[in-house]
Amino acid sequence: MILAADFGGTTIKLGLVREGRILARSRLDAYANRPMAERLEAVACEWELLLKTNGYTLQICAGIALSLPFLTDPKSPRVLGDFGKFPGATNIDFAAWSRVRLGLPVALENDLRVALLGEWTAGAARGKSEVVMLALGTGIGCAVLSSGRLLRGANNRAATLLGHSTIAHEHPAGRCGNLGCAEDLASTATLAKLARSRSDFAVSQLAGAEKIDHETIFTLAAQGDACSQALLQQSLKVWAVMLQNAVIAFDPEVVVLGGGVEPSESEPAGIHLKGASDRLFAALSLAKQGRGRLLLIGGGSYQGGEDVTVFEGEGAKRWVEEWQLSPVPVQSLGPCRDTHDEALKVAALAAQHSWKRVALVTSAYHMTRSKAVFEKAGVVVVPVPCNYLSMGMRGRHVTWLVVPKADNMLYFGAWMHEIIGWWAYRLRGWV
């Protein structure tokens, strides 16, 4: 078993991992302005709690894996620069800390490179040996896999600084010193400054926005705000140039996009990918593994504007087909009122095509009710749960009832929704 931790700017995600499977997980507030030594102790204590709560001991653990938001030297193992987060990280001997505190060896790596290895091992880049991953959000990050190995370079920073490339030499030097740096032209870190420098900012809705980030930009651009639309177009053009440059430079088989940018409720891309993304990509993964002959997509609908109704299933189908993501045909179930409506439509198709069973992909917290509804409708299902919200929702460690944090309220709301939904369906005879 491996003790794993991903140090992010907002949260630290922790897990107990065995042979690629997450046995338990938790998270802590990052407090990235606090010393690294302090946060490491908090992580160690949380690991010990996870082990105890789930009936494991430290003695069965083989080592520690740390994903860090820094350039690292995995051989030392040390951090090469802390860049203002978790101060003091460069002074820590991680090998000594892990040996003294937990009696285990440690491996550490840059967080985006870890994400790339994850996609290569079990995700969108599985089976590929030439891969580029770009992270769009606070900055523009890049990691590269070449001939099946991480591209590191002479100073272990190959590709990681791609976001600081000059793409507009007529612009002044940015925070890094480079002229027309891509990150300065399209990242969350500089978005507010870029907005305020525009002549139309004063009359824009952005002037009264509590926070200027890409979520705000996407939302206001869809509402017709000219300043937001211009900033959005600039970001999209910069990201497109960076994507093109990465393809030209590294000649990958596939480019994986990640990071903290997602569309607003208005969905400029025509699809709403938040928690639903896990379900969609889990289904696509099954299709790519040859586990099915047809990809069925359900979903409800919402108002995308005045007199415009957006059907989620149709939007997802169009997106999958435009990006050629599925090796099998894709079919939308059309607008569905609820899970029961989806079950009836799938049951009719199953009877029409003589399907023996259907892989049911949905969020883990919704699987119990969903499986019961489909079986009641006469569909033989193979459950494929995904989008796990919390280790506490699957075990005895009910952390989401302890502290009223935003994530915990989300989990509590999901739990209440399922409890109420189960009894409502039962009263209707749907389960």
Protein backbone atom coordinates (compact mmCIF):
# COMPACT_ATOMS: atom_id res chain seq x y z
CA MET A 1 0.00 0.00 0.00
CA ILE A 2 1.16 3.54 -0.81
CA LEU A 3 0.39 6.70 1.17
CA ALA A 4 -0.32 9.36 -1.46
CA ALA A 5 -0.80 13.13 -1.21
CA ASP A 6 -1.36 15.81 -3.84
CA PHE A 7 -0.44 19.29 -2.59
CA GLY A 8 -2.66 21.84 -4.37
CA GLY A 9 -2.99 25.56 -3.83
CA THR A 10 -6.44 25.19 -2.23
CA THR A 11 -6.63 21.61 -0.98
CA ILE A 12 -4.33 18.71 -0.22
CA LYS A 13 -5.84 15.45 -1.44
CA LEU A 14 -4.78 12.27 0.33
CA GLY A 15 -5.32 8.59 -0.32
CA LEU A 16 -4.42 5.03 0.48
CA VAL A 17 -3.53 3.32 -2.80
CA ARG A 18 -2.91 -0.30 -3.62
CA GLU A 19 -2.08 -1.55 -7.14
CA GLY A 20 -3.62 1.52 -8.74
CA ARG A 21 -6.84 1.36 -6.71
CA ILE A 22 -7.79 4.04 -4.19
CA LEU A 23 -8.86 2.26 -1.01
CA ALA A 24 -9.64 5.40 0.98
CA ARG A 25 -9.32 9.12 0.48
CA SER A 26 -9.52 12.40 2.34
CA ARG A 27 -8.61 16.05 1.94
CA LEU A 28 -7.24 18.94 3.97
CA ASP A 29 -7.30 22.67 3.45
CA ALA A 30 -3.96 23.49 1.84
CA TYR A 31 -3.01 26.62 3.79
CA ALA A 32 -0.32 27.04 1.13
CA ASN A 33 1.03 30.13 2.88
CA ARG A 34 2.03 28.01 5.87
CA PRO A 35 5.47 26.32 6.15
CA MET A 36 5.87 23.03 4.34
CA ALA A 37 7.09 21.33 7.52
CA GLU A 38 3.81 22.22 9.25
CA ARG A 39 1.67 20.92 6.40
CA LEU A 40 3.68 17.71 6.15
CA GLU A 41 2.89 16.98 9.79
CA ALA A 42 -0.81 17.61 9.13
CA VAL A 43 -0.65 15.20 6.18
CA ALA A 44 1.10 12.52 8.25
CA CYS A 45 -1.57 12.80 10.95
CA GLU A 46 -4.34 12.52 8.35
CA TRP A 47 -2.73 9.41 6.83
CA GLU A 48 -2.58 7.83 10.30
CA LEU A 49 -6.27 8.62 10.79
CA LEU A 50 -7.15 7.13 7.39
CA LEU A 51 -5.24 3.95 8.19
CA LYS A 52 -6.83 3.56 11.61
CA THR A 53 -10.35 4.34 10.39
CA ASN A 54 -10.14 1.80 7.59
CA GLY A 55 -8.57 -0.99 9.63
CA TYR A 56 -5.02 -0.75 8.25
CA THR A 57 -1.65 -0.30 9.92
CA LEU A 58 1.47 1.60 8.94
CA GLN A 59 3.40 -1.67 8.83
CA ILE A 60 1.69 -2.82 5.61
CA CYS A 61 2.65 0.38 3.73
CA ALA A 62 5.48 0.24 1.21
CA GLY A 63 6.14 3.94 0.79
CA ILE A 64 4.98 7.52 0.31
CA ALA A 65 4.18 9.37 -2.94
CA LEU A 66 4.01 13.18 -2.96
CA SER A 67 2.69 15.29 -5.83
CA LEU A 68 4.00 18.85 -5.37
CA PRO A 69 3.41 22.19 -7.17
CA PHE A 70 7.15 22.71 -7.65
CA LEU A 71 10.03 21.68 -9.83
CA THR A 72 11.56 18.71 -8.06
CA ASP A 73 14.61 16.50 -8.12
CA PRO A 74 13.14 13.01 -7.68
CA LYS A 75 16.60 11.48 -7.12
CA SER A 76 17.52 13.65 -4.07
CA PRO A 77 14.53 13.85 -3.36
CA ARG A 78 14.23 17.64 -2.97
CA VAL A 79 12.24 20.64 -4.14
CA LEU A 80 14.14 22.96 -6.51
CA GLY A 81 12.02 26.07 -5.94
CA ASP A 82 8.92 26.82 -3.82
CA PHE A 83 7.58 29.80 -5.85
CA GLY A 84 5.80 31.31 -2.86
CA LYS A 85 3.77 28.23 -1.87
CA PHE A 86 4.45 26.13 1.22
CA PRO A 87 7.52 28.19 2.25
CA GLY A 88 10.59 26.31 3.37
CA ALA A 89 9.99 23.40 1.00
CA THR A 90 13.45 23.80 -0.56
CA ASN A 91 15.08 23.29 2.84
CA ILE A 92 13.38 19.97 3.60
CA ASP A 93 15.09 16.62 3.22
CA PHE A 94 11.96 14.66 2.29
CA ALA A 95 13.72 11.30 2.52
CA ALA A 96 14.84 12.02 6.09
CA TRP A 97 11.41 13.34 7.07
CA SER A 98 9.54 10.29 5.75
CA ARG A 99 12.01 7.88 7.33
CA VAL A 100 11.92 9.55 10.77
CA ARG A 101 8.21 10.43 10.87
CA LEU A 102 6.68 7.32 9.28
CA GLY A 103 9.53 4.88 8.73
CA LEU A 104 8.91 4.74 4.96
CA PRO A 105 10.75 5.70 1.75
CA VAL A 106 9.36 8.60 -0.27
CA ALA A 107 9.02 9.54 -3.94
CA LEU A 108 8.12 13.07 -5.03
CA GLU A 109 7.35 14.63 -8.40
CA ASN A 110 5.93 17.77 -9.98
CA ASP A 111 2.13 17.68 -9.81
CA LEU A 112 1.50 18.09 -13.54
CA ARG A 113 3.97 15.33 -14.35
CA VAL A 114 2.15 13.13 -11.86
CA ALA A 115 -1.14 13.96 -13.60
CA LEU A 116 0.41 13.04 -16.94
CA LEU A 117 1.63 9.71 -15.57
CA GLY A 118 -1.87 9.06 -14.26
CA GLU A 119 -3.45 9.71 -17.66
CA TRP A 120 -0.77 7.56 -19.29
CA THR A 121 -1.29 4.69 -16.87
CA ALA A 122 -5.07 4.63 -16.58
CA GLY A 123 -6.62 7.54 -18.45
CA ALA A 124 -6.86 9.39 -21.75
CA ALA A 125 -3.25 8.63 -22.79
CA ARG A 126 -3.27 4.94 -21.94
CA GLY A 127 -1.22 2.91 -24.40
CA LYS A 128 0.50 5.96 -25.90
CA SER A 129 4.24 6.64 -25.70
CA GLU A 130 4.30 10.24 -27.00
CA VAL A 131 2.05 12.50 -24.92
CA VAL A 132 1.74 16.20 -24.09
CA MET A 133 -0.35 17.45 -21.18
CA LEU A 134 -1.32 21.11 -20.83
CA ALA A 135 -2.88 22.57 -17.69
CA LEU A 136 -4.86 25.78 -18.17
CA GLY A 137 -5.76 27.79 -15.09
CA THR A 138 -3.73 29.87 -12.64
CA GLY A 139 -0.87 29.52 -15.13
CA ILE A 140 -0.18 27.43 -18.22
CA GLY A 141 1.64 24.23 -17.32
CA CYS A 142 3.10 21.56 -19.54
CA ALA A 143 4.48 18.04 -19.10
CA VAL A 144 5.72 15.69 -21.81
CA LEU A 145 6.11 11.94 -22.16
CA SER A 146 8.63 10.97 -24.87
CA SER A 147 9.29 7.34 -25.84
CA GLY A 148 7.31 6.29 -22.78
CA ARG A 149 9.44 8.33 -20.34
CA LEU A 150 9.02 11.75 -18.75
CA LEU A 151 10.95 14.40 -20.64
CA ARG A 152 13.21 16.08 -18.05
CA GLY A 153 16.07 17.92 -19.76
CA ALA A 154 19.47 18.92 -18.33
CA ASN A 155 17.97 20.80 -15.35
CA ASN A 156 14.82 18.71 -14.87
CA ARG A 157 12.60 21.49 -16.20
CA ALA A 158 12.00 20.45 -19.82
CA ALA A 159 8.56 21.59 -21.06
CA THR A 160 7.47 22.79 -17.60
CA LEU A 161 8.12 26.44 -18.52
CA LEU A 162 6.31 26.31 -21.87
CA GLY A 163 3.72 28.71 -20.47
CA HIS A 164 6.41 31.38 -20.31
CA SER A 165 7.07 31.18 -24.05
CA THR A 166 7.02 34.45 -25.99
CA ILE A 167 3.98 34.47 -28.28
CA ALA A 168 3.59 38.25 -28.73
CA HIS A 169 7.00 39.92 -28.92
CA GLU A 170 5.45 43.40 -29.19
CA HIS A 171 4.10 43.10 -25.64
CA PRO A 172 6.19 44.24 -22.65
CA ALA A 173 8.10 41.86 -20.39
CA GLY A 174 5.89 39.90 -18.02
CA ARG A 175 6.37 38.67 -14.48
CA CYS A 176 8.96 36.13 -15.64
CA GLY A 177 10.92 38.68 -17.67
CA ASN A 178 10.01 37.30 -21.10
CA LEU A 179 8.41 39.54 -23.72
CA GLY A 180 4.78 38.68 -24.48
CA CYS A 181 4.74 35.70 -22.10
CA ALA A 182 1.76 33.40 -22.74
CA GLU A 183 0.86 33.15 -19.05
CA ASP A 184 0.69 36.94 -18.76
CA LEU A 185 -1.76 37.07 -21.65
CA ALA A 186 -4.12 34.24 -20.61
CA SER A 187 -4.01 32.97 -17.05
CA THR A 188 -6.15 33.43 -13.96
CA ALA A 189 -3.19 35.04 -12.19
CA THR A 190 -3.19 38.05 -14.53
CA LEU A 191 -6.83 38.14 -15.67
CA ALA A 192 -7.92 40.92 -13.28
CA LYS A 193 -4.99 43.12 -14.33
CA LEU A 194 -5.75 42.52 -18.01
CA ALA A 195 -9.42 43.40 -17.46
CA ARG A 196 -8.69 46.65 -15.62
CA SER A 197 -6.27 47.75 -18.33
CA ARG A 198 -9.03 47.77 -20.94
CA SER A 199 -10.84 50.97 -21.86
CA ASP A 200 -14.26 49.27 -21.66
CA PHE A 201 -13.69 47.87 -18.15
CA ALA A 202 -15.50 50.74 -16.40
CA VAL A 203 -18.76 50.00 -18.23
CA SER A 204 -18.34 46.22 -17.99
CA GLN A 205 -20.09 43.97 -15.49
CA LEU A 206 -16.58 42.87 -14.53
CA ALA A 207 -16.12 46.21 -12.73
CA GLY A 208 -18.62 45.06 -10.12
CA ALA A 209 -17.58 41.42 -10.01
CA GLU A 210 -16.45 40.06 -6.65
CA LYS A 211 -13.81 37.92 -8.36
CA ILE A 212 -12.38 38.09 -11.86
CA ASP A 213 -11.46 34.60 -13.04
CA HIS A 214 -12.23 32.51 -16.10
CA GLU A 215 -15.50 31.24 -14.65
CA THR A 216 -16.67 34.85 -14.38
CA ILE A 217 -15.37 35.63 -17.86
CA PHE A 218 -17.20 32.66 -19.42
CA THR A 219 -20.45 33.60 -17.68
CA LEU A 220 -20.43 37.32 -18.53
CA ALA A 221 -19.23 36.73 -22.09
CA ALA A 222 -22.26 34.51 -22.71
CA GLN A 223 -24.44 37.36 -21.39
CA GLY A 224 -23.03 39.73 -24.00
CA ASP A 225 -20.51 41.66 -21.91
CA ALA A 226 -18.06 43.10 -24.47
CA CYS A 227 -15.05 43.31 -22.16
CA SER A 228 -15.52 39.70 -21.05
CA GLN A 229 -15.95 38.54 -24.63
CA ALA A 230 -12.69 40.20 -25.66
CA LEU A 231 -10.79 38.69 -22.73
CA LEU A 232 -12.29 35.26 -23.44
CA GLN A 233 -11.29 35.44 -27.09
CA GLN A 234 -7.75 36.43 -26.10
CA SER A 235 -7.48 33.49 -23.68
CA LEU A 236 -8.81 31.03 -26.24
CA LYS A 237 -6.39 32.30 -28.90
CA VAL A 238 -3.41 32.06 -26.52
CA TRP A 239 -4.39 28.54 -25.44
CA ALA A 240 -4.80 27.53 -29.09
CA VAL A 241 -1.34 28.90 -29.93
CA MET A 242 0.21 27.06 -26.98
CA LEU A 243 -1.50 23.85 -28.03
CA GLN A 244 -0.25 24.28 -31.59
CA ASN A 245 3.29 25.09 -30.40
CA ALA A 246 3.34 22.00 -28.16
CA VAL A 247 2.24 19.78 -31.05
CA ILE A 248 4.89 21.27 -33.34
CA ALA A 249 7.63 20.98 -30.71
CA PHE A 250 6.94 17.51 -29.31
CA ASP A 251 5.01 15.66 -32.07
CA PRO A 252 2.69 13.80 -29.64
CA GLU A 253 0.20 11.04 -30.37
CA VAL A 254 -2.29 12.74 -28.06
CA VAL A 255 -2.62 16.01 -26.14
CA VAL A 256 -4.36 15.89 -22.75
CA LEU A 257 -5.92 19.12 -21.46
CA GLY A 258 -6.40 19.70 -17.76
CA GLY A 259 -6.30 22.46 -15.17
CA GLY A 260 -8.78 24.66 -13.37
CA VAL A 261 -10.68 26.16 -16.31
CA GLU A 262 -14.20 24.98 -17.05
CA PRO A 263 -17.11 26.59 -18.89
CA SER A 264 -19.83 28.47 -17.09
CA GLU A 265 -23.47 27.47 -16.91
CA SER A 266 -24.00 29.01 -20.34
CA GLU A 267 -21.71 26.39 -21.90
CA PRO A 268 -19.93 28.08 -24.83
CA ALA A 269 -18.69 24.61 -25.83
CA GLY A 270 -22.24 23.25 -25.80
CA ILE A 271 -21.72 20.83 -22.90
CA HIS A 272 -21.64 21.11 -19.12
CA LEU A 273 -18.71 19.08 -17.74
CA LYS A 274 -18.34 19.16 -13.96
CA GLY A 275 -19.20 16.10 -11.87
CA ALA A 276 -20.71 14.69 -15.06
CA SER A 277 -17.30 14.53 -16.71
CA ASP A 278 -16.35 11.47 -14.63
CA ARG A 279 -19.43 9.63 -15.88
CA LEU A 280 -18.87 10.56 -19.50
CA PHE A 281 -15.18 9.68 -19.51
CA ALA A 282 -15.79 6.43 -17.61
CA ALA A 283 -18.25 5.40 -20.33
CA LEU A 284 -15.80 6.43 -23.07
CA SER A 285 -13.09 4.39 -21.37
CA LEU A 286 -15.33 1.30 -21.46
CA ALA A 287 -16.03 1.91 -25.14
CA LYS A 288 -12.32 2.21 -25.93
CA GLN A 289 -11.73 -1.09 -24.10
CA GLY A 290 -14.25 -2.80 -26.36
CA ARG A 291 -16.77 -3.31 -23.56
CA GLY A 292 -19.80 -2.17 -25.56
CA ARG A 293 -21.24 -1.65 -29.03
CA LEU A 294 -23.15 1.60 -28.42
CA LEU A 295 -22.73 4.59 -26.12
CA LEU A 296 -26.05 5.85 -24.75
CA ILE A 297 -26.10 9.29 -23.13
CA GLY A 298 -28.94 10.48 -20.92
CA GLY A 299 -29.48 13.77 -19.13
CA GLY A 300 -32.04 16.44 -18.56
CA SER A 301 -32.37 19.94 -19.96
CA TYR A 302 -31.89 23.55 -18.89
CA GLN A 303 -32.58 27.02 -20.24
CA GLY A 304 -29.51 28.23 -22.10
CA GLY A 305 -30.99 31.62 -22.88
CA GLU A 306 -34.25 33.29 -23.79
CA ASP A 307 -36.56 30.70 -25.40
CA VAL A 308 -33.59 28.32 -25.79
CA THR A 309 -33.73 24.87 -24.19
CA VAL A 310 -30.46 22.95 -24.04
CA PHE A 311 -30.68 19.14 -23.93
CA GLU A 312 -27.69 17.73 -22.03
CA GLY A 313 -27.63 14.37 -23.81
CA GLU A 314 -27.67 15.98 -27.25
CA GLY A 315 -24.92 18.41 -26.25
CA ALA A 316 -22.73 15.61 -24.90
CA LYS A 317 -23.33 13.49 -28.03
CA ARG A 318 -22.40 16.37 -30.31
CA TRP A 319 -19.24 17.10 -28.29
CA VAL A 320 -18.11 13.45 -28.28
CA GLU A 321 -18.67 13.15 -32.03
CA GLU A 322 -17.01 16.47 -32.92
CA TRP A 323 -13.89 15.47 -30.99
CA GLN A 324 -14.06 11.87 -32.30
CA LEU A 325 -13.73 10.45 -28.78
CA SER A 326 -15.81 7.31 -29.12
CA PRO A 327 -14.87 4.22 -31.16
CA VAL A 328 -18.54 3.12 -31.13
CA PRO A 329 -21.73 4.89 -32.28
CA VAL A 330 -23.18 7.46 -29.87
CA GLN A 331 -26.89 7.88 -29.23
CA SER A 332 -28.70 10.39 -27.03
CA LEU A 333 -31.73 9.30 -25.03
CA GLY A 334 -33.15 12.76 -25.58
CA PRO A 335 -34.47 14.89 -22.72
CA CYS A 336 -35.15 12.77 -19.63
CA ARG A 337 -37.19 14.00 -16.69
CA ASP A 338 -35.40 11.79 -14.18
CA THR A 339 -33.59 8.47 -13.69
CA HIS A 340 -36.87 6.58 -14.04
CA ASP A 341 -37.48 8.14 -17.44
CA GLU A 342 -33.96 7.15 -18.53
CA ALA A 343 -34.55 3.58 -17.33
CA LEU A 344 -37.77 3.25 -19.33
CA LYS A 345 -36.08 4.52 -22.50
CA VAL A 346 -33.13 2.15 -22.08
CA ALA A 347 -35.51 -0.74 -21.36
CA ALA A 348 -37.37 -0.06 -24.62
CA LEU A 349 -34.10 -0.01 -26.58
CA ALA A 350 -32.89 -3.18 -24.85
CA ALA A 351 -36.07 -5.01 -25.82
CA GLN A 352 -35.91 -3.67 -29.39
CA HIS A 353 -32.28 -4.74 -29.93
CA SER A 354 -32.29 -7.87 -27.71
CA TRP A 355 -29.52 -6.58 -25.45
CA LYS A 356 -28.61 -9.04 -22.70
CA ARG A 357 -27.16 -6.45 -20.33
CA VAL A 358 -26.25 -2.78 -20.11
CA ALA A 359 -23.24 -1.20 -18.37
CA LEU A 360 -24.77 1.43 -16.08
CA VAL A 361 -22.32 4.30 -15.55
CA THR A 362 -23.25 6.89 -12.94
CA SER A 363 -21.97 8.63 -9.83
CA ALA A 364 -21.20 6.25 -6.98
CA TYR A 365 -23.53 8.02 -4.56
CA HIS A 366 -26.40 7.65 -7.08
CA MET A 367 -25.69 4.04 -8.08
CA THR A 368 -27.90 2.29 -5.50
CA ARG A 369 -31.05 4.12 -6.57
CA SER A 370 -30.16 4.09 -10.27
CA LYS A 371 -29.46 0.34 -10.33
CA ALA A 372 -32.74 -0.41 -8.54
CA VAL A 373 -34.73 1.76 -10.97
CA PHE A 374 -33.19 0.15 -14.06
CA GLU A 375 -33.70 -3.37 -12.73
CA LYS A 376 -37.32 -2.56 -11.86
CA ALA A 377 -37.76 -1.45 -15.48
CA GLY A 378 -36.48 -4.86 -16.62
CA VAL A 379 -32.91 -3.94 -17.59
CA VAL A 380 -30.07 -6.29 -16.60
CA VAL A 381 -27.29 -3.91 -15.57
CA VAL A 382 -23.57 -4.13 -14.86
CA PRO A 383 -22.90 -1.32 -12.35
CA VAL A 384 -19.94 0.97 -13.15
CA PRO A 385 -19.77 3.56 -10.34
CA CYS A 386 -17.54 6.63 -10.70
CA ASN A 387 -17.32 10.26 -9.54
CA TYR A 388 -16.67 9.26 -5.93
CA LEU A 389 -17.20 12.37 -3.79
CA SER A 390 -15.78 11.23 -0.50
CA MET A 391 -14.26 8.25 1.23
CA GLY A 392 -16.68 9.07 4.04
CA MET A 393 -19.68 8.39 1.83
CA ARG A 394 -18.49 4.81 1.28
CA GLY A 395 -17.19 3.86 4.71
CA ARG A 396 -17.36 4.44 8.40
CA HIS A 397 -15.23 7.59 8.51
CA VAL A 398 -18.05 10.18 8.10
CA THR A 399 -15.82 13.25 7.91
CA TRP A 400 -18.35 15.33 6.01
CA LEU A 401 -20.55 15.70 9.11
CA VAL A 402 -17.78 17.03 11.33
CA VAL A 403 -16.77 20.44 9.95
CA PRO A 404 -19.17 22.68 7.95
CA LYS A 405 -16.85 23.27 4.99
CA ALA A 406 -18.19 23.91 1.48
CA ASP A 407 -17.23 20.46 0.19
CA ASN A 408 -18.79 18.80 3.22
CA MET A 409 -22.08 20.61 2.62
CA LEU A 410 -21.95 19.42 -0.99
CA TYR A 411 -21.55 15.82 0.15
CA PHE A 412 -24.32 16.20 2.71
CA GLY A 413 -26.62 17.65 0.05
CA ALA A 414 -25.89 14.73 -2.29
CA TRP A 415 -26.59 12.26 0.50
CA MET A 416 -29.90 13.95 1.39
CA HIS A 417 -30.90 14.05 -2.28
CA GLU A 418 -30.39 10.31 -2.59
CA ILE A 419 -32.20 9.49 0.66
CA ILE A 420 -35.22 11.59 -0.30
CA GLY A 421 -35.06 10.36 -3.90
CA TRP A 422 -35.06 6.72 -2.79
CA TRP A 423 -38.19 7.11 -0.71
CA ALA A 424 -39.94 9.17 -3.40
CA TYR A 425 -39.20 6.48 -5.99
CA ARG A 426 -40.27 3.75 -3.60
CA LEU A 427 -43.62 5.43 -2.97
CA ARG A 428 -44.15 5.63 -6.74
CA GLY A 429 -43.28 1.97 -7.18
CA TRP A 430 -40.19 2.70 -9.25
CA VAL A 431 -37.80 0.69 -7.05
